[in-house]
Amino acid sequence: MVAGSNPVLGSISENHTNYCTLMREIRMFNDLYNKVRNRLKYFNSQPEVYEVIVDDDFEYTDEIEKALWDIKECLDLPTEEIEIAVATRHSSLKKS
């Protein structure tokens, strides 16, 4: 023992240091636990399902043809390529 040191105060100081270290480790563990728990909740949750209502009477072909002709004008494509694409689109729609 060192001359002039108080054994009671020394043990209190050591206990306080041990207590602070323990509390810091508990907080770190709780933080890790909460992160893992939140990740598990996120990945185990059910995905949201949306219902899509499609109007079958709408003519998509007209919009596609208009878009093809607009692309032809913007990119200066040959007319034959657009006519082939439109004819192919019409023939595939007739088959289905």
PDB file of N, CA and C in Angstrom:
ATOM      1  N   MET A   1       0.828  -1.163   0.000  1.00  0.00           N
ATOM      2  CA  MET A   1       0.000   0.000   0.000  1.00  0.00           C
ATOM      3  C   MET A   1       0.886   1.244   0.000  1.00  0.00           C
ATOM      4  N   VAL A   2       0.486   2.246  -0.700  1.00  0.00           N
ATOM      5  CA  VAL A   2       1.248   3.487  -0.796  1.00  0.00           C
ATOM      6  C   VAL A   2       0.929   4.343   0.422  1.00  0.00           C
ATOM      7  N   ALA A   3       1.935   4.994   0.941  1.00  0.00           N
ATOM      8  CA  ALA A   3       1.729   5.850   2.114  1.00  0.00           C
ATOM      9  C   ALA A   3       0.784   6.981   1.773  1.00  0.00           C
ATOM     10  N   GLY A   4      -0.217   7.187   2.572  1.00  0.00           N
ATOM     11  CA  GLY A   4      -1.154   8.273   2.379  1.00  0.00           C
ATOM     12  C   GLY A   4      -2.331   7.920   1.488  1.00  0.00           C
ATOM     13  N   SER A   5      -2.395   6.714   0.933  1.00  0.00           N
ATOM     14  CA  SER A   5      -3.524   6.348   0.090  1.00  0.00           C
ATOM     15  C   SER A   5      -4.623   5.743   0.946  1.00  0.00           C
ATOM     16  N   ASN A   6      -5.834   5.973   0.555  1.00  0.00           N
ATOM     17  CA  ASN A   6      -6.981   5.485   1.304  1.00  0.00           C
ATOM     18  C   ASN A   6      -7.531   4.266   0.577  1.00  0.00           C
ATOM     19  N   PRO A   7      -7.518   3.081   1.181  1.00  0.00           N
ATOM     20  CA  PRO A   7      -8.003   1.878   0.489  1.00  0.00           C
ATOM     21  C   PRO A   7      -9.488   1.946   0.174  1.00  0.00           C
ATOM     22  N   VAL A   8     -10.272   2.616   0.932  1.00  0.00           N
ATOM     23  CA  VAL A   8     -11.716   2.713   0.677  1.00  0.00           C
ATOM     24  C   VAL A   8     -11.969   3.582  -0.546  1.00  0.00           C
ATOM     25  N   LEU A   9     -11.332   4.730  -0.617  1.00  0.00           N
ATOM     26  CA  LEU A   9     -11.517   5.607  -1.774  1.00  0.00           C
ATOM     27  C   LEU A   9     -10.962   4.987  -3.045  1.00  0.00           C
ATOM     28  N   GLY A  10      -9.874   4.244  -2.929  1.00  0.00           N
ATOM     29  CA  GLY A  10      -9.316   3.571  -4.097  1.00  0.00           C
ATOM     30  C   GLY A  10     -10.279   2.547  -4.651  1.00  0.00           C
ATOM     31  N   SER A  11     -10.934   1.786  -3.815  1.00  0.00           N
ATOM     32  CA  SER A  11     -11.877   0.778  -4.300  1.00  0.00           C
ATOM     33  C   SER A  11     -13.126   1.434  -4.865  1.00  0.00           C
ATOM     34  N   ILE A  12     -13.540   2.566  -4.319  1.00  0.00           N
ATOM     35  CA  ILE A  12     -14.694   3.286  -4.862  1.00  0.00           C
ATOM     36  C   ILE A  12     -14.369   3.785  -6.266  1.00  0.00           C
ATOM     37  N   SER A  13     -13.181   4.314  -6.435  1.00  0.00           N
ATOM     38  CA  SER A  13     -12.776   4.812  -7.740  1.00  0.00           C
ATOM     39  C   SER A  13     -12.728   3.681  -8.760  1.00  0.00           C
ATOM     40  N   GLU A  14     -12.184   2.537  -8.359  1.00  0.00           N
ATOM     41  CA  GLU A  14     -12.133   1.374  -9.264  1.00  0.00           C
ATOM     42  C   GLU A  14     -13.535   0.882  -9.577  1.00  0.00           C
ATOM     43  N   ASN A  15     -14.404   0.841  -8.589  1.00  0.00           N
ATOM     44  CA  ASN A  15     -15.781   0.406  -8.820  1.00  0.00           C
ATOM     45  C   ASN A  15     -16.505   1.362  -9.763  1.00  0.00           C
ATOM     46  N   HIS A  16     -16.264   2.657  -9.602  1.00  0.00           N
ATOM     47  CA  HIS A  16     -16.893   3.640 -10.482  1.00  0.00           C
ATOM     48  C   HIS A  16     -16.413   3.452 -11.920  1.00  0.00           C
ATOM     49  N   THR A  17     -15.111   3.228 -12.093  1.00  0.00           N
ATOM     50  CA  THR A  17     -14.562   3.000 -13.430  1.00  0.00           C
ATOM     51  C   THR A  17     -15.145   1.729 -14.027  1.00  0.00           C
ATOM     52  N   ASN A  18     -15.230   0.673 -13.265  1.00  0.00           N
ATOM     53  CA  ASN A  18     -15.808  -0.584 -13.745  1.00  0.00           C
ATOM     54  C   ASN A  18     -17.277  -0.397 -14.105  1.00  0.00           C
ATOM     55  N   TYR A  19     -18.007   0.374 -13.270  1.00  0.00           N
ATOM     56  CA  TYR A  19     -19.420   0.631 -13.528  1.00  0.00           C
ATOM     57  C   TYR A  19     -19.593   1.402 -14.835  1.00  0.00           C
ATOM     58  N   CYS A  20     -18.775   2.431 -15.041  1.00  0.00           N
ATOM     59  CA  CYS A  20     -18.867   3.236 -16.267  1.00  0.00           C
ATOM     60  C   CYS A  20     -18.551   2.394 -17.501  1.00  0.00           C
ATOM     61  N   THR A  21     -17.537   1.552 -17.387  1.00  0.00           N
ATOM     62  CA  THR A  21     -17.176   0.669 -18.497  1.00  0.00           C
ATOM     63  C   THR A  21     -18.312  -0.296 -18.797  1.00  0.00           C
ATOM     64  N   LEU A  22     -18.912  -0.858 -17.767  1.00  0.00           N
ATOM     65  CA  LEU A  22     -20.028  -1.792 -17.931  1.00  0.00           C
ATOM     66  C   LEU A  22     -21.219  -1.103 -18.600  1.00  0.00           C
ATOM     67  N   MET A  23     -21.552   0.102 -18.157  1.00  0.00           N
ATOM     68  CA  MET A  23     -22.681   0.823 -18.734  1.00  0.00           C
ATOM     69  C   MET A  23     -22.433   1.175 -20.193  1.00  0.00           C
ATOM     70  N   ARG A  24     -21.205   1.550 -20.538  1.00  0.00           N
ATOM     71  CA  ARG A  24     -20.855   1.853 -21.929  1.00  0.00           C
ATOM     72  C   ARG A  24     -21.024   0.609 -22.795  1.00  0.00           C
ATOM     73  N   GLU A  25     -20.606  -0.541 -22.304  1.00  0.00           N
ATOM     74  CA  GLU A  25     -20.740  -1.790 -23.053  1.00  0.00           C
ATOM     75  C   GLU A  25     -22.203  -2.182 -23.199  1.00  0.00           C
ATOM     76  N   ILE A  26     -22.998  -1.941 -22.170  1.00  0.00           N
ATOM     77  CA  ILE A  26     -24.434  -2.246 -22.257  1.00  0.00           C
ATOM     78  C   ILE A  26     -25.093  -1.358 -23.307  1.00  0.00           C
ATOM     79  N   ARG A  27     -24.747  -0.071 -23.348  1.00  0.00           N
ATOM     80  CA  ARG A  27     -25.291   0.823 -24.367  1.00  0.00           C
ATOM     81  C   ARG A  27     -24.893   0.389 -25.765  1.00  0.00           C
ATOM     82  N   MET A  28     -23.640  -0.022 -25.933  1.00  0.00           N
ATOM     83  CA  MET A  28     -23.171  -0.490 -27.242  1.00  0.00           C
ATOM     84  C   MET A  28     -23.933  -1.747 -27.658  1.00  0.00           C
ATOM     85  N   PHE A  29     -24.164  -2.654 -26.703  1.00  0.00           N
ATOM     86  CA  PHE A  29     -24.908  -3.873 -27.002  1.00  0.00           C
ATOM     87  C   PHE A  29     -26.347  -3.538 -27.374  1.00  0.00           C
ATOM     88  N   ASN A  30     -26.975  -2.624 -26.640  1.00  0.00           N
ATOM     89  CA  ASN A  30     -28.353  -2.230 -26.950  1.00  0.00           C
ATOM     90  C   ASN A  30     -28.455  -1.588 -28.331  1.00  0.00           C
ATOM     91  N   ASP A  31     -27.488  -0.764 -28.689  1.00  0.00           N
ATOM     92  CA  ASP A  31     -27.484  -0.158 -30.019  1.00  0.00           C
ATOM     93  C   ASP A  31     -27.389  -1.220 -31.112  1.00  0.00           C
ATOM     94  N   LEU A  32     -26.492  -2.168 -30.921  1.00  0.00           N
ATOM     95  CA  LEU A  32     -26.348  -3.253 -31.893  1.00  0.00           C
ATOM     96  C   LEU A  32     -27.615  -4.091 -31.955  1.00  0.00           C
ATOM     97  N   TYR A  33     -28.170  -4.413 -30.814  1.00  0.00           N
ATOM     98  CA  TYR A  33     -29.402  -5.206 -30.754  1.00  0.00           C
ATOM     99  C   TYR A  33     -30.530  -4.490 -31.496  1.00  0.00           C
ATOM    100  N   ASN A  34     -30.680  -3.190 -31.281  1.00  0.00           N
ATOM    101  CA  ASN A  34     -31.745  -2.438 -31.949  1.00  0.00           C
ATOM    102  C   ASN A  34     -31.538  -2.379 -33.454  1.00  0.00           C
ATOM    103  N   LYS A  35     -30.301  -2.239 -33.903  1.00  0.00           N
ATOM    104  CA  LYS A  35     -30.030  -2.225 -35.346  1.00  0.00           C
ATOM    105  C   LYS A  35     -30.406  -3.561 -35.984  1.00  0.00           C
ATOM    106  N   VAL A  36     -30.007  -4.650 -35.345  1.00  0.00           N
ATOM    107  CA  VAL A  36     -30.321  -5.979 -35.880  1.00  0.00           C
ATOM    108  C   VAL A  36     -31.827  -6.200 -35.869  1.00  0.00           C
ATOM    109  N   ARG A  37     -32.495  -5.824 -34.785  1.00  0.00           N
ATOM    110  CA  ARG A  37     -33.946  -5.998 -34.686  1.00  0.00           C
ATOM    111  C   ARG A  37     -34.663  -5.197 -35.766  1.00  0.00           C
ATOM    112  N   ASN A  38     -34.235  -3.959 -36.008  1.00  0.00           N
ATOM    113  CA  ASN A  38     -34.870  -3.134 -37.033  1.00  0.00           C
ATOM    114  C   ASN A  38     -34.650  -3.699 -38.427  1.00  0.00           C
ATOM    115  N   ARG A  39     -33.467  -4.224 -38.679  1.00  0.00           N
ATOM    116  CA  ARG A  39     -33.210  -4.846 -39.991  1.00  0.00           C
ATOM    117  C   ARG A  39     -34.095  -6.074 -40.185  1.00  0.00           C
ATOM    118  N   LEU A  40     -34.226  -6.883 -39.142  1.00  0.00           N
ATOM    119  CA  LEU A  40     -35.074  -8.069 -39.254  1.00  0.00           C
ATOM    120  C   LEU A  40     -36.531  -7.683 -39.479  1.00  0.00           C
ATOM    121  N   LYS A  41     -36.998  -6.656 -38.798  1.00  0.00           N
ATOM    122  CA  LYS A  41     -38.368  -6.188 -39.014  1.00  0.00           C
ATOM    123  C   LYS A  41     -38.551  -5.735 -40.451  1.00  0.00           C
ATOM    124  N   TYR A  42     -37.561  -5.016 -40.987  1.00  0.00           N
ATOM    125  CA  TYR A  42     -37.659  -4.499 -42.348  1.00  0.00           C
ATOM    126  C   TYR A  42     -37.722  -5.636 -43.363  1.00  0.00           C
ATOM    127  N   PHE A  43     -36.836  -6.613 -43.225  1.00  0.00           N
ATOM    128  CA  PHE A  43     -36.775  -7.681 -44.214  1.00  0.00           C
ATOM    129  C   PHE A  43     -37.865  -8.723 -44.032  1.00  0.00           C
ATOM    130  N   ASN A  44     -38.452  -8.816 -42.867  1.00  0.00           N
ATOM    131  CA  ASN A  44     -39.518  -9.786 -42.635  1.00  0.00           C
ATOM    132  C   ASN A  44     -40.901  -9.195 -42.854  1.00  0.00           C
ATOM    133  N   SER A  45     -40.985  -7.908 -43.113  1.00  0.00           N
ATOM    134  CA  SER A  45     -42.287  -7.289 -43.322  1.00  0.00           C
ATOM    135  C   SER A  45     -42.824  -7.683 -44.698  1.00  0.00           C
ATOM    136  N   GLN A  46     -44.124  -7.663 -44.804  1.00  0.00           N
ATOM    137  CA  GLN A  46     -44.774  -8.019 -46.062  1.00  0.00           C
ATOM    138  C   GLN A  46     -44.664  -6.841 -47.034  1.00  0.00           C
ATOM    139  N   PRO A  47     -44.319  -7.108 -48.286  1.00  0.00           N
ATOM    140  CA  PRO A  47     -44.244  -6.008 -49.253  1.00  0.00           C
ATOM    141  C   PRO A  47     -45.639  -5.454 -49.540  1.00  0.00           C
ATOM    142  N   GLU A  48     -45.682  -4.186 -49.885  1.00  0.00           N
ATOM    143  CA  GLU A  48     -46.955  -3.582 -50.231  1.00  0.00           C
ATOM    144  C   GLU A  48     -47.370  -4.058 -51.612  1.00  0.00           C
ATOM    145  N   VAL A  49     -48.640  -4.403 -51.745  1.00  0.00           N
ATOM    146  CA  VAL A  49     -49.170  -4.896 -53.012  1.00  0.00           C
ATOM    147  C   VAL A  49     -50.123  -3.852 -53.548  1.00  0.00           C
ATOM    148  N   TYR A  50     -49.901  -3.480 -54.791  1.00  0.00           N
ATOM    149  CA  TYR A  50     -50.745  -2.488 -55.431  1.00  0.00           C
ATOM    150  C   TYR A  50     -51.578  -3.154 -56.510  1.00  0.00           C
ATOM    151  N   GLU A  51     -52.808  -2.747 -56.612  1.00  0.00           N
ATOM    152  CA  GLU A  51     -53.677  -3.276 -57.644  1.00  0.00           C
ATOM    153  C   GLU A  51     -53.669  -2.309 -58.823  1.00  0.00           C
ATOM    154  N   VAL A  52     -53.390  -2.837 -59.997  1.00  0.00           N
ATOM    155  CA  VAL A  52     -53.325  -2.014 -61.200  1.00  0.00           C
ATOM    156  C   VAL A  52     -54.538  -2.339 -62.055  1.00  0.00           C
ATOM    157  N   ILE A  53     -55.273  -1.309 -62.391  1.00  0.00           N
ATOM    158  CA  ILE A  53     -56.459  -1.492 -63.233  1.00  0.00           C
ATOM    159  C   ILE A  53     -56.097  -1.043 -64.635  1.00  0.00           C
ATOM    160  N   VAL A  54     -56.257  -1.956 -65.587  1.00  0.00           N
ATOM    161  CA  VAL A  54     -55.891  -1.676 -66.975  1.00  0.00           C
ATOM    162  C   VAL A  54     -57.162  -1.648 -67.812  1.00  0.00           C
ATOM    163  N   ASP A  55     -57.287  -0.625 -68.597  1.00  0.00           N
ATOM    164  CA  ASP A  55     -58.416  -0.514 -69.507  1.00  0.00           C
ATOM    165  C   ASP A  55     -58.053  -1.226 -70.803  1.00  0.00           C
ATOM    166  N   ASP A  56     -58.697  -2.363 -71.063  1.00  0.00           N
ATOM    167  CA  ASP A  56     -58.369  -3.166 -72.246  1.00  0.00           C
ATOM    168  C   ASP A  56     -58.860  -2.517 -73.541  1.00  0.00           C
ATOM    169  N   ASP A  57     -59.788  -1.598 -73.438  1.00  0.00           N
ATOM    170  CA  ASP A  57     -60.331  -0.978 -74.641  1.00  0.00           C
ATOM    171  C   ASP A  57     -59.411   0.105 -75.208  1.00  0.00           C
ATOM    172  N   PHE A  58     -58.445   0.569 -74.429  1.00  0.00           N
ATOM    173  CA  PHE A  58     -57.557   1.643 -74.870  1.00  0.00           C
ATOM    174  C   PHE A  58     -56.625   1.123 -75.954  1.00  0.00           C
ATOM    175  N   GLU A  59     -56.446   1.905 -76.983  1.00  0.00           N
ATOM    176  CA  GLU A  59     -55.605   1.521 -78.104  1.00  0.00           C
ATOM    177  C   GLU A  59     -54.161   1.971 -77.858  1.00  0.00           C
ATOM    178  N   TYR A  60     -53.358   1.034 -77.427  1.00  0.00           N
ATOM    179  CA  TYR A  60     -51.945   1.337 -77.201  1.00  0.00           C
ATOM    180  C   TYR A  60     -51.184   1.437 -78.518  1.00  0.00           C
ATOM    181  N   THR A  61     -51.663   0.718 -79.515  1.00  0.00           N
ATOM    182  CA  THR A  61     -50.958   0.671 -80.795  1.00  0.00           C
ATOM    183  C   THR A  61     -50.850   2.060 -81.413  1.00  0.00           C
ATOM    184  N   ASP A  62     -51.919   2.843 -81.320  1.00  0.00           N
ATOM    185  CA  ASP A  62     -51.882   4.182 -81.892  1.00  0.00           C
ATOM    186  C   ASP A  62     -50.805   5.027 -81.227  1.00  0.00           C
ATOM    187  N   GLU A  63     -50.687   4.930 -79.905  1.00  0.00           N
ATOM    188  CA  GLU A  63     -49.679   5.706 -79.185  1.00  0.00           C
ATOM    189  C   GLU A  63     -48.267   5.236 -79.545  1.00  0.00           C
ATOM    190  N   ILE A  64     -48.108   3.925 -79.721  1.00  0.00           N
ATOM    191  CA  ILE A  64     -46.798   3.391 -80.089  1.00  0.00           C
ATOM    192  C   ILE A  64     -46.422   3.854 -81.500  1.00  0.00           C
ATOM    193  N   GLU A  65     -47.377   3.806 -82.395  1.00  0.00           N
ATOM    194  CA  GLU A  65     -47.103   4.270 -83.760  1.00  0.00           C
ATOM    195  C   GLU A  65     -46.742   5.755 -83.775  1.00  0.00           C
ATOM    196  N   LYS A  66     -47.470   6.561 -83.013  1.00  0.00           N
ATOM    197  CA  LYS A  66     -47.160   7.994 -82.955  1.00  0.00           C
ATOM    198  C   LYS A  66     -45.749   8.207 -82.414  1.00  0.00           C
ATOM    199  N   ALA A  67     -45.393   7.444 -81.390  1.00  0.00           N
ATOM    200  CA  ALA A  67     -44.056   7.574 -80.808  1.00  0.00           C
ATOM    201  C   ALA A  67     -42.984   7.170 -81.815  1.00  0.00           C
ATOM    202  N   LEU A  68     -43.239   6.118 -82.576  1.00  0.00           N
ATOM    203  CA  LEU A  68     -42.265   5.686 -83.592  1.00  0.00           C
ATOM    204  C   LEU A  68     -42.070   6.765 -84.655  1.00  0.00           C
ATOM    205  N   TRP A  69     -43.155   7.369 -85.097  1.00  0.00           N
ATOM    206  CA  TRP A  69     -43.029   8.416 -86.110  1.00  0.00           C
ATOM    207  C   TRP A  69     -42.311   9.642 -85.538  1.00  0.00           C
ATOM    208  N   ASP A  70     -42.561   9.947 -84.266  1.00  0.00           N
ATOM    209  CA  ASP A  70     -41.848  11.065 -83.632  1.00  0.00           C
ATOM    210  C   ASP A  70     -40.353  10.771 -83.529  1.00  0.00           C
ATOM    211  N   ILE A  71     -40.022   9.544 -83.193  1.00  0.00           N
ATOM    212  CA  ILE A  71     -38.610   9.149 -83.108  1.00  0.00           C
ATOM    213  C   ILE A  71     -37.949   9.244 -84.479  1.00  0.00           C
ATOM    214  N   LYS A  72     -38.699   8.833 -85.502  1.00  0.00           N
ATOM    215  CA  LYS A  72     -38.160   8.901 -86.873  1.00  0.00           C
ATOM    216  C   LYS A  72     -37.803  10.334 -87.235  1.00  0.00           C
ATOM    217  N   GLU A  73     -38.697  11.264 -86.870  1.00  0.00           N
ATOM    218  CA  GLU A  73     -38.448  12.668 -87.185  1.00  0.00           C
ATOM    219  C   GLU A  73     -37.253  13.214 -86.395  1.00  0.00           C
ATOM    220  N   CYS A  74     -37.168  12.853 -85.130  1.00  0.00           N
ATOM    221  CA  CYS A  74     -36.085  13.380 -84.283  1.00  0.00           C
ATOM    222  C   CYS A  74     -34.720  12.832 -84.694  1.00  0.00           C
ATOM    223  N   LEU A  75     -34.683  11.548 -85.003  1.00  0.00           N
ATOM    224  CA  LEU A  75     -33.402  10.909 -85.302  1.00  0.00           C
ATOM    225  C   LEU A  75     -33.101  10.807 -86.790  1.00  0.00           C
ATOM    226  N   ASP A  76     -34.028  11.280 -87.608  1.00  0.00           N
ATOM    227  CA  ASP A  76     -33.858  11.267 -89.059  1.00  0.00           C
ATOM    228  C   ASP A  76     -33.614   9.849 -89.572  1.00  0.00           C
ATOM    229  N   LEU A  77     -34.498   8.926 -89.127  1.00  0.00           N
ATOM    230  CA  LEU A  77     -34.406   7.530 -89.571  1.00  0.00           C
ATOM    231  C   LEU A  77     -35.102   7.360 -90.914  1.00  0.00           C
ATOM    232  N   PRO A  78     -34.707   6.341 -91.683  1.00  0.00           N
ATOM    233  CA  PRO A  78     -35.396   6.073 -92.946  1.00  0.00           C
ATOM    234  C   PRO A  78     -36.852   5.649 -92.698  1.00  0.00           C
ATOM    235  N   THR A  79     -37.730   6.070 -93.563  1.00  0.00           N
ATOM    236  CA  THR A  79     -39.158   5.782 -93.423  1.00  0.00           C
ATOM    237  C   THR A  79     -39.428   4.287 -93.470  1.00  0.00           C
ATOM    238  N   GLU A  80     -38.646   3.553 -94.262  1.00  0.00           N
ATOM    239  CA  GLU A  80     -38.877   2.111 -94.406  1.00  0.00           C
ATOM    240  C   GLU A  80     -38.751   1.380 -93.070  1.00  0.00           C
ATOM    241  N   GLU A  81     -37.822   1.817 -92.245  1.00  0.00           N
ATOM    242  CA  GLU A  81     -37.630   1.147 -90.952  1.00  0.00           C
ATOM    243  C   GLU A  81     -38.845   1.322 -90.060  1.00  0.00           C
ATOM    244  N   ILE A  82     -39.431   2.492 -90.062  1.00  0.00           N
ATOM    245  CA  ILE A  82     -40.614   2.740 -89.242  1.00  0.00           C
ATOM    246  C   ILE A  82     -41.798   1.964 -89.795  1.00  0.00           C
ATOM    247  N   GLU A  83     -41.927   1.935 -91.120  1.00  0.00           N
ATOM    248  CA  GLU A  83     -43.028   1.176 -91.721  1.00  0.00           C
ATOM    249  C   GLU A  83     -42.909  -0.307 -91.394  1.00  0.00           C
ATOM    250  N   ILE A  84     -41.699  -0.838 -91.400  1.00  0.00           N
ATOM    251  CA  ILE A  84     -41.481  -2.248 -91.038  1.00  0.00           C
ATOM    252  C   ILE A  84     -41.849  -2.479 -89.571  1.00  0.00           C
ATOM    253  N   ALA A  85     -41.445  -1.558 -88.703  1.00  0.00           N
ATOM    254  CA  ALA A  85     -41.747  -1.708 -87.279  1.00  0.00           C
ATOM    255  C   ALA A  85     -43.253  -1.657 -87.029  1.00  0.00           C
ATOM    256  N   VAL A  86     -43.956  -0.758 -87.714  1.00  0.00           N
ATOM    257  CA  VAL A  86     -45.407  -0.647 -87.549  1.00  0.00           C
ATOM    258  C   VAL A  86     -46.096  -1.884 -88.099  1.00  0.00           C
ATOM    259  N   ALA A  87     -45.648  -2.369 -89.256  1.00  0.00           N
ATOM    260  CA  ALA A  87     -46.253  -3.570 -89.839  1.00  0.00           C
ATOM    261  C   ALA A  87     -46.022  -4.781 -88.937  1.00  0.00           C
ATOM    262  N   THR A  88     -44.845  -4.896 -88.371  1.00  0.00           N
ATOM    263  CA  THR A  88     -44.554  -6.004 -87.453  1.00  0.00           C
ATOM    264  C   THR A  88     -45.450  -5.907 -86.220  1.00  0.00           C
ATOM    265  N   ARG A  89     -45.646  -4.700 -85.732  1.00  0.00           N
ATOM    266  CA  ARG A  89     -46.502  -4.497 -84.561  1.00  0.00           C
ATOM    267  C   ARG A  89     -47.935  -4.916 -84.873  1.00  0.00           C
ATOM    268  N   HIS A  90     -48.439  -4.531 -86.044  1.00  0.00           N
ATOM    269  CA  HIS A  90     -49.799  -4.909 -86.437  1.00  0.00           C
ATOM    270  C   HIS A  90     -49.933  -6.423 -86.582  1.00  0.00           C
ATOM    271  N   SER A  91     -48.945  -7.058 -87.196  1.00  0.00           N
ATOM    272  CA  SER A  91     -49.031  -8.515 -87.399  1.00  0.00           C
ATOM    273  C   SER A  91     -48.954  -9.255 -86.054  1.00  0.00           C
ATOM    274  N   SER A  92     -48.163  -8.759 -85.119  1.00  0.00           N
ATOM    275  CA  SER A  92     -48.079  -9.434 -83.812  1.00  0.00           C
ATOM    276  C   SER A  92     -49.363  -9.247 -83.014  1.00  0.00           C
ATOM    277  N   LEU A  93     -50.042  -8.103 -83.193  1.00  0.00           N
ATOM    278  CA  LEU A  93     -51.318  -7.900 -82.512  1.00  0.00           C
ATOM    279  C   LEU A  93     -52.416  -8.779 -83.090  1.00  0.00           C
ATOM    280  N   LYS A  94     -52.368  -9.021 -84.409  1.00  0.00           N
ATOM    281  CA  LYS A  94     -53.371  -9.887 -85.037  1.00  0.00           C
ATOM    282  C   LYS A  94     -53.220 -11.335 -84.589  1.00  0.00           C
ATOM    283  N   LYS A  95     -51.981 -11.750 -84.331  1.00  0.00           N
ATOM    284  CA  LYS A  95     -51.716 -13.130 -83.902  1.00  0.00           C
ATOM    285  C   LYS A  95     -52.202 -13.371 -82.469  1.00  0.00           C
ATOM    286  N   SER A  96     -52.178 -12.348 -81.645  1.00  0.00           N
ATOM    287  CA  SER A  96     -52.549 -12.553 -80.248  1.00  0.00           C
ATOM    288  C   SER A  96     -54.012 -12.373 -79.994  1.00  0.00           C
TER     289      SER A  96
END
